[in-house]
Amino acid sequence: MPRKFLRLVWRNATRSRTRLAATVGGCAVGAFIVCFFLAADGSLSRMLDSAGADQNLIVTQKDRF
């Protein structure tokens, strides 16, 4: 059963190479964006921890909220 299913999936995936390339490319871009933001968040957290998070001042624009 799984072997038949995998063969069917492979045939459908390779039927349209443009669609396959677009799907793989979209997944790769999405994975890159998620990894980028997770890495940026981790780096910012480490930087704030090393700089002393209790000494940070957050400034916002007047009447913004």
C-alpha atoms as a PDB file:
ATOM      1  CA  MET A   1       0.000   0.000   0.000  1.00  0.00           C
ATOM      2  CA  PRO A   2       2.597   2.674   0.902  1.00  0.00           C
ATOM      3  CA  ARG A   3       4.671   1.772  -2.142  1.00  0.00           C
ATOM      4  CA  LYS A   4       1.698   2.335  -4.477  1.00  0.00           C
ATOM      5  CA  PHE A   5       0.926   5.599  -2.735  1.00  0.00           C
ATOM      6  CA  LEU A   6       4.500   6.852  -3.039  1.00  0.00           C
ATOM      7  CA  ARG A   7       4.578   5.943  -6.727  1.00  0.00           C
ATOM      8  CA  LEU A   8       1.339   7.877  -7.268  1.00  0.00           C
ATOM      9  CA  VAL A   9       2.688  10.892  -5.377  1.00  0.00           C
ATOM     10  CA  TRP A  10       5.917  10.828  -7.392  1.00  0.00           C
ATOM     11  CA  ARG A  11       4.060  10.632 -10.735  1.00  0.00           C
ATOM     12  CA  ASN A  12       1.764  13.517  -9.824  1.00  0.00           C
ATOM     13  CA  ALA A  13       4.664  15.633  -8.548  1.00  0.00           C
ATOM     14  CA  THR A  14       6.758  15.161 -11.673  1.00  0.00           C
ATOM     15  CA  ARG A  15       3.848  15.628 -14.087  1.00  0.00           C
ATOM     16  CA  SER A  16       4.180  19.404 -14.030  1.00  0.00           C
ATOM     17  CA  ARG A  17       7.767  20.461 -13.442  1.00  0.00           C
ATOM     18  CA  THR A  18       6.848  24.143 -13.249  1.00  0.00           C
ATOM     19  CA  ARG A  19       4.341  23.506 -10.478  1.00  0.00           C
ATOM     20  CA  LEU A  20       6.879  21.328  -8.655  1.00  0.00           C
ATOM     21  CA  ALA A  21       9.550  24.027  -8.902  1.00  0.00           C
ATOM     22  CA  ALA A  22       7.125  26.687  -7.676  1.00  0.00           C
ATOM     23  CA  THR A  23       6.056  24.525  -4.730  1.00  0.00           C
ATOM     24  CA  VAL A  24       9.615  23.655  -3.710  1.00  0.00           C
ATOM     25  CA  GLY A  25      10.709  27.269  -4.162  1.00  0.00           C
ATOM     26  CA  GLY A  26       7.816  28.578  -2.093  1.00  0.00           C
ATOM     27  CA  CYS A  27       8.565  26.121   0.703  1.00  0.00           C
ATOM     28  CA  ALA A  28      12.240  27.099   0.626  1.00  0.00           C
ATOM     29  CA  VAL A  29      11.439  30.824   0.803  1.00  0.00           C
ATOM     30  CA  GLY A  30       9.005  30.246   3.667  1.00  0.00           C
ATOM     31  CA  ALA A  31      11.537  28.165   5.590  1.00  0.00           C
ATOM     32  CA  PHE A  32      14.208  30.822   5.035  1.00  0.00           C
ATOM     33  CA  ILE A  33      11.930  33.593   6.326  1.00  0.00           C
ATOM     34  CA  VAL A  34      10.993  31.626   9.444  1.00  0.00           C
ATOM     35  CA  CYS A  35      14.641  30.750  10.164  1.00  0.00           C
ATOM     36  CA  PHE A  36      15.723  34.357   9.586  1.00  0.00           C
ATOM     37  CA  PHE A  37      13.226  35.804  12.045  1.00  0.00           C
ATOM     38  CA  LEU A  38      13.900  33.142  14.667  1.00  0.00           C
ATOM     39  CA  ALA A  39      17.631  33.800  14.393  1.00  0.00           C
ATOM     40  CA  ALA A  40      17.096  37.572  14.590  1.00  0.00           C
ATOM     41  CA  ASP A  41      14.902  37.169  17.665  1.00  0.00           C
ATOM     42  CA  GLY A  42      17.493  34.966  19.366  1.00  0.00           C
ATOM     43  CA  SER A  43      20.321  37.347  18.526  1.00  0.00           C
ATOM     44  CA  LEU A  44      18.398  40.350  19.801  1.00  0.00           C
ATOM     45  CA  SER A  45      17.519  38.539  23.024  1.00  0.00           C
ATOM     46  CA  ARG A  46      21.168  37.552  23.598  1.00  0.00           C
ATOM     47  CA  MET A  47      22.320  41.088  22.847  1.00  0.00           C
ATOM     48  CA  LEU A  48      19.828  42.606  25.287  1.00  0.00           C
ATOM     49  CA  ASP A  49      20.734  40.065  27.979  1.00  0.00           C
ATOM     50  CA  SER A  50      24.428  40.808  27.644  1.00  0.00           C
ATOM     51  CA  ALA A  51      23.842  44.574  27.652  1.00  0.00           C
ATOM     52  CA  GLY A  52      21.748  44.459  30.812  1.00  0.00           C
ATOM     53  CA  ALA A  53      18.059  44.328  30.033  1.00  0.00           C
ATOM     54  CA  ASP A  54      17.139  46.144  33.252  1.00  0.00           C
ATOM     55  CA  GLN A  55      18.935  49.274  32.042  1.00  0.00           C
ATOM     56  CA  ASN A  56      17.082  49.656  28.730  1.00  0.00           C
ATOM     57  CA  LEU A  57      14.821  52.624  28.062  1.00  0.00           C
ATOM     58  CA  ILE A  58      11.972  52.235  25.558  1.00  0.00           C
ATOM     59  CA  VAL A  59      10.939  55.477  23.868  1.00  0.00           C
ATOM     60  CA  THR A  60       7.730  55.826  21.862  1.00  0.00           C
ATOM     61  CA  GLN A  61       6.139  58.611  19.904  1.00  0.00           C
ATOM     62  CA  LYS A  62       3.725  60.898  21.822  1.00  0.00           C
ATOM     63  CA  ASP A  63       0.006  60.091  21.373  1.00  0.00           C
ATOM     64  CA  ARG A  64       0.751  57.065  19.276  1.00  0.00           C
ATOM     65  CA  PHE A  65      -1.163  54.603  21.445  1.00  0.00           C
END
